[in-house]
Amino acid sequence: MEKRESPRQSTRQQKNRQLLRQLLRQAREEAGVIQGELSRKLGRSQGFVSKYELGDRRIDLVDMADICDALGISFLDLAKRFDQLRKTRYT
């Protein structure tokens, strides 16, 4: 069950956060990495990965850069991909 966002957040913010979660999960799956493997690469618990993918936990730029490194993908490429999707889906 996906966590509900705070009522103080705009619908656009909620949609963007959901899009980012989907993109991070897709990037992990495209890399052929399961949550447990990613968590080991990050030195974090499997719950950390599960929670940010479900929206129960927010991540910051440092976390996202570490995730990208662990998946062997470019942080900038992921950010560009997010920006393109965000603009096409929610504009």
N, C-alpha and C. Protein backbone atom coordinates (compact mmCIF):
# COMPACT_ATOMS: atom_id res chain seq x y z
N MET A 1 0.84 -1.17 0.00
CA MET A 1 0.00 0.00 0.00
C MET A 1 0.89 1.24 0.00
N GLU A 2 0.61 2.17 -0.87
CA GLU A 2 1.44 3.36 -1.00
C GLU A 2 1.04 4.39 0.04
N LYS A 3 2.06 4.98 0.64
CA LYS A 3 1.83 5.99 1.66
C LYS A 3 1.22 7.24 1.03
N ARG A 4 0.29 7.82 1.71
CA ARG A 4 -0.32 9.06 1.23
C ARG A 4 0.60 10.22 1.55
N GLU A 5 0.67 11.13 0.61
CA GLU A 5 1.48 12.32 0.80
C GLU A 5 0.75 13.27 1.74
N SER A 6 1.49 14.17 2.33
CA SER A 6 0.94 15.17 3.22
C SER A 6 -0.09 16.02 2.49
N PRO A 7 -1.20 16.34 3.15
CA PRO A 7 -2.21 17.18 2.49
C PRO A 7 -1.67 18.57 2.16
N ARG A 8 -0.57 18.96 2.78
CA ARG A 8 0.01 20.27 2.50
C ARG A 8 0.73 20.30 1.16
N GLN A 9 1.03 19.16 0.60
CA GLN A 9 1.72 19.12 -0.68
C GLN A 9 0.72 19.29 -1.81
N SER A 10 1.16 19.97 -2.84
CA SER A 10 0.29 20.14 -3.99
C SER A 10 0.18 18.82 -4.75
N THR A 11 -0.83 18.73 -5.56
CA THR A 11 -1.00 17.55 -6.40
C THR A 11 0.21 17.38 -7.31
N ARG A 12 0.74 18.48 -7.82
CA ARG A 12 1.93 18.41 -8.68
C ARG A 12 3.12 17.82 -7.93
N GLN A 13 3.34 18.24 -6.69
CA GLN A 13 4.43 17.69 -5.90
C GLN A 13 4.23 16.20 -5.67
N GLN A 14 3.02 15.81 -5.36
CA GLN A 14 2.72 14.39 -5.15
C GLN A 14 3.01 13.59 -6.40
N LYS A 15 2.58 14.10 -7.54
CA LYS A 15 2.81 13.39 -8.80
C LYS A 15 4.29 13.32 -9.13
N ASN A 16 5.02 14.39 -8.87
CA ASN A 16 6.45 14.38 -9.14
C ASN A 16 7.19 13.41 -8.23
N ARG A 17 6.79 13.35 -6.97
CA ARG A 17 7.42 12.38 -6.06
C ARG A 17 7.12 10.95 -6.50
N GLN A 18 5.89 10.71 -6.91
CA GLN A 18 5.52 9.38 -7.40
C GLN A 18 6.32 9.04 -8.65
N LEU A 19 6.46 9.98 -9.55
CA LEU A 19 7.24 9.77 -10.76
C LEU A 19 8.69 9.44 -10.44
N LEU A 20 9.27 10.16 -9.50
CA LEU A 20 10.66 9.89 -9.11
C LEU A 20 10.79 8.50 -8.52
N ARG A 21 9.86 8.10 -7.68
CA ARG A 21 9.90 6.75 -7.10
C ARG A 21 9.84 5.69 -8.19
N GLN A 22 8.93 5.90 -9.15
CA GLN A 22 8.80 4.94 -10.26
C GLN A 22 10.09 4.89 -11.08
N LEU A 23 10.68 6.03 -11.32
CA LEU A 23 11.90 6.11 -12.11
C LEU A 23 13.06 5.41 -11.41
N LEU A 24 13.18 5.61 -10.10
CA LEU A 24 14.26 4.95 -9.35
C LEU A 24 14.07 3.43 -9.35
N ARG A 25 12.84 2.99 -9.19
CA ARG A 25 12.58 1.55 -9.22
C ARG A 25 12.88 0.98 -10.60
N GLN A 26 12.44 1.69 -11.64
CA GLN A 26 12.69 1.25 -13.01
C GLN A 26 14.19 1.18 -13.28
N ALA A 27 14.94 2.17 -12.82
CA ALA A 27 16.39 2.17 -13.02
C ALA A 27 17.03 0.96 -12.33
N ARG A 28 16.55 0.64 -11.14
CA ARG A 28 17.07 -0.53 -10.41
C ARG A 28 16.76 -1.81 -11.18
N GLU A 29 15.53 -1.92 -11.65
CA GLU A 29 15.14 -3.12 -12.38
C GLU A 29 15.88 -3.24 -13.71
N GLU A 30 16.07 -2.12 -14.41
CA GLU A 30 16.82 -2.14 -15.67
C GLU A 30 18.27 -2.55 -15.46
N ALA A 31 18.80 -2.23 -14.28
CA ALA A 31 20.17 -2.61 -13.96
C ALA A 31 20.24 -4.07 -13.53
N GLY A 32 19.08 -4.73 -13.40
CA GLY A 32 19.04 -6.13 -12.99
C GLY A 32 19.43 -6.34 -11.54
N VAL A 33 19.09 -5.37 -10.71
CA VAL A 33 19.48 -5.40 -9.29
C VAL A 33 18.22 -5.52 -8.44
N ILE A 34 18.24 -6.44 -7.49
CA ILE A 34 17.12 -6.57 -6.56
C ILE A 34 17.37 -5.65 -5.36
N GLN A 35 16.31 -5.40 -4.61
CA GLN A 35 16.42 -4.47 -3.49
C GLN A 35 17.51 -4.86 -2.50
N GLY A 36 17.60 -6.14 -2.18
CA GLY A 36 18.60 -6.59 -1.22
C GLY A 36 20.02 -6.33 -1.70
N GLU A 37 20.26 -6.56 -2.98
CA GLU A 37 21.58 -6.32 -3.55
C GLU A 37 21.91 -4.83 -3.53
N LEU A 38 20.94 -4.00 -3.88
CA LEU A 38 21.17 -2.56 -3.86
C LEU A 38 21.45 -2.09 -2.44
N SER A 39 20.70 -2.60 -1.50
CA SER A 39 20.90 -2.18 -0.10
C SER A 39 22.31 -2.55 0.38
N ARG A 40 22.81 -3.71 -0.03
CA ARG A 40 24.18 -4.10 0.35
C ARG A 40 25.21 -3.16 -0.28
N LYS A 41 24.98 -2.80 -1.55
CA LYS A 41 25.90 -1.88 -2.21
C LYS A 41 25.91 -0.51 -1.54
N LEU A 42 24.75 -0.13 -1.00
CA LEU A 42 24.63 1.17 -0.33
C LEU A 42 25.08 1.13 1.13
N GLY A 43 25.22 -0.09 1.67
CA GLY A 43 25.53 -0.21 3.10
C GLY A 43 24.33 0.17 3.97
N ARG A 44 23.14 -0.04 3.43
CA ARG A 44 21.90 0.30 4.13
C ARG A 44 21.04 -0.96 4.23
N SER A 45 19.96 -0.85 4.98
CA SER A 45 19.05 -1.99 5.10
C SER A 45 18.19 -2.11 3.85
N GLN A 46 17.65 -3.30 3.63
CA GLN A 46 16.74 -3.51 2.51
C GLN A 46 15.50 -2.66 2.70
N GLY A 47 15.14 -2.43 3.95
CA GLY A 47 13.99 -1.58 4.25
C GLY A 47 14.16 -0.15 3.75
N PHE A 48 15.39 0.34 3.73
CA PHE A 48 15.67 1.68 3.21
C PHE A 48 15.22 1.78 1.76
N VAL A 49 15.63 0.79 0.96
CA VAL A 49 15.28 0.79 -0.47
C VAL A 49 13.77 0.62 -0.63
N SER A 50 13.21 -0.32 0.08
CA SER A 50 11.77 -0.57 -0.01
C SER A 50 10.98 0.68 0.36
N LYS A 51 11.37 1.33 1.43
CA LYS A 51 10.62 2.49 1.91
C LYS A 51 10.67 3.67 0.95
N TYR A 52 11.84 3.93 0.35
CA TYR A 52 11.85 5.07 -0.58
C TYR A 52 11.12 4.72 -1.87
N GLU A 53 11.14 3.45 -2.28
CA GLU A 53 10.39 3.07 -3.48
C GLU A 53 8.88 3.13 -3.25
N LEU A 54 8.44 2.89 -2.04
CA LEU A 54 7.01 2.93 -1.71
C LEU A 54 6.53 4.32 -1.32
N GLY A 55 7.45 5.24 -1.08
CA GLY A 55 7.06 6.58 -0.68
C GLY A 55 6.95 6.75 0.82
N ASP A 56 7.41 5.76 1.58
CA ASP A 56 7.38 5.86 3.04
C ASP A 56 8.60 6.61 3.58
N ARG A 57 9.55 6.89 2.71
CA ARG A 57 10.77 7.58 3.11
C ARG A 57 11.21 8.46 1.95
N ARG A 58 11.61 9.66 2.27
CA ARG A 58 12.16 10.55 1.25
C ARG A 58 13.67 10.38 1.22
N ILE A 59 14.24 10.64 0.07
CA ILE A 59 15.69 10.62 -0.04
C ILE A 59 16.17 12.00 -0.49
N ASP A 60 17.41 12.30 -0.17
CA ASP A 60 17.97 13.58 -0.59
C ASP A 60 18.91 13.36 -1.78
N LEU A 61 19.52 14.42 -2.25
CA LEU A 61 20.40 14.33 -3.42
C LEU A 61 21.60 13.43 -3.17
N VAL A 62 22.12 13.44 -1.96
CA VAL A 62 23.26 12.59 -1.64
C VAL A 62 22.85 11.12 -1.74
N ASP A 63 21.70 10.78 -1.18
CA ASP A 63 21.19 9.41 -1.30
C ASP A 63 21.00 9.03 -2.76
N MET A 64 20.41 9.95 -3.52
CA MET A 64 20.14 9.64 -4.93
C MET A 64 21.44 9.45 -5.71
N ALA A 65 22.44 10.26 -5.43
CA ALA A 65 23.73 10.09 -6.10
C ALA A 65 24.34 8.74 -5.73
N ASP A 66 24.23 8.34 -4.47
CA ASP A 66 24.75 7.03 -4.04
C ASP A 66 24.00 5.89 -4.73
N ILE A 67 22.69 6.04 -4.86
CA ILE A 67 21.88 5.02 -5.53
C ILE A 67 22.32 4.89 -6.99
N CYS A 68 22.49 6.02 -7.66
CA CYS A 68 22.93 6.00 -9.05
C CYS A 68 24.30 5.33 -9.18
N ASP A 69 25.22 5.67 -8.30
CA ASP A 69 26.55 5.04 -8.32
C ASP A 69 26.43 3.53 -8.14
N ALA A 70 25.60 3.11 -7.19
CA ALA A 70 25.43 1.68 -6.92
C ALA A 70 24.81 0.95 -8.10
N LEU A 71 23.99 1.65 -8.87
CA LEU A 71 23.35 1.04 -10.04
C LEU A 71 24.19 1.18 -11.31
N GLY A 72 25.26 1.95 -11.22
CA GLY A 72 26.13 2.15 -12.38
C GLY A 72 25.51 3.05 -13.43
N ILE A 73 24.69 4.00 -12.97
CA ILE A 73 24.07 4.94 -13.90
C ILE A 73 24.48 6.35 -13.54
N SER A 74 24.35 7.25 -14.48
CA SER A 74 24.70 8.64 -14.28
C SER A 74 23.59 9.37 -13.52
N PHE A 75 24.00 10.07 -12.48
CA PHE A 75 23.06 10.90 -11.74
C PHE A 75 22.44 11.95 -12.66
N LEU A 76 23.26 12.57 -13.49
CA LEU A 76 22.75 13.60 -14.40
C LEU A 76 21.78 13.02 -15.43
N ASP A 77 22.08 11.82 -15.93
CA ASP A 77 21.16 11.18 -16.87
C ASP A 77 19.82 10.88 -16.22
N LEU A 78 19.86 10.41 -14.98
CA LEU A 78 18.61 10.13 -14.26
C LEU A 78 17.83 11.42 -14.05
N ALA A 79 18.52 12.49 -13.67
CA ALA A 79 17.85 13.78 -13.46
C ALA A 79 17.24 14.30 -14.76
N LYS A 80 17.95 14.15 -15.87
CA LYS A 80 17.41 14.58 -17.17
C LYS A 80 16.19 13.75 -17.55
N ARG A 81 16.28 12.46 -17.30
CA ARG A 81 15.15 11.57 -17.60
C ARG A 81 13.92 11.97 -16.78
N PHE A 82 14.15 12.26 -15.50
CA PHE A 82 13.06 12.70 -14.63
C PHE A 82 12.46 14.00 -15.16
N ASP A 83 13.31 14.94 -15.53
CA ASP A 83 12.84 16.23 -16.01
C ASP A 83 12.02 16.08 -17.29
N GLN A 84 12.47 15.25 -18.19
CA GLN A 84 11.73 15.03 -19.44
C GLN A 84 10.37 14.41 -19.17
N LEU A 85 10.36 13.37 -18.33
CA LEU A 85 9.09 12.71 -18.00
C LEU A 85 8.14 13.65 -17.28
N ARG A 86 8.69 14.41 -16.36
CA ARG A 86 7.89 15.35 -15.58
C ARG A 86 7.23 16.37 -16.49
N LYS A 87 7.98 16.86 -17.45
CA LYS A 87 7.43 17.87 -18.36
C LYS A 87 6.38 17.29 -19.30
N THR A 88 6.58 16.08 -19.76
CA THR A 88 5.61 15.49 -20.70
C THR A 88 4.36 14.98 -20.00
N ARG A 89 4.50 14.52 -18.78
CA ARG A 89 3.34 13.95 -18.08
C ARG A 89 2.49 14.98 -17.37
N TYR A 90 3.12 16.01 -16.85
CA TYR A 90 2.39 16.91 -15.95
C TYR A 90 2.35 18.36 -16.38
N THR A 91 2.55 18.59 -17.66
CA THR A 91 2.44 19.99 -18.12
C THR A 91 1.19 20.19 -18.93
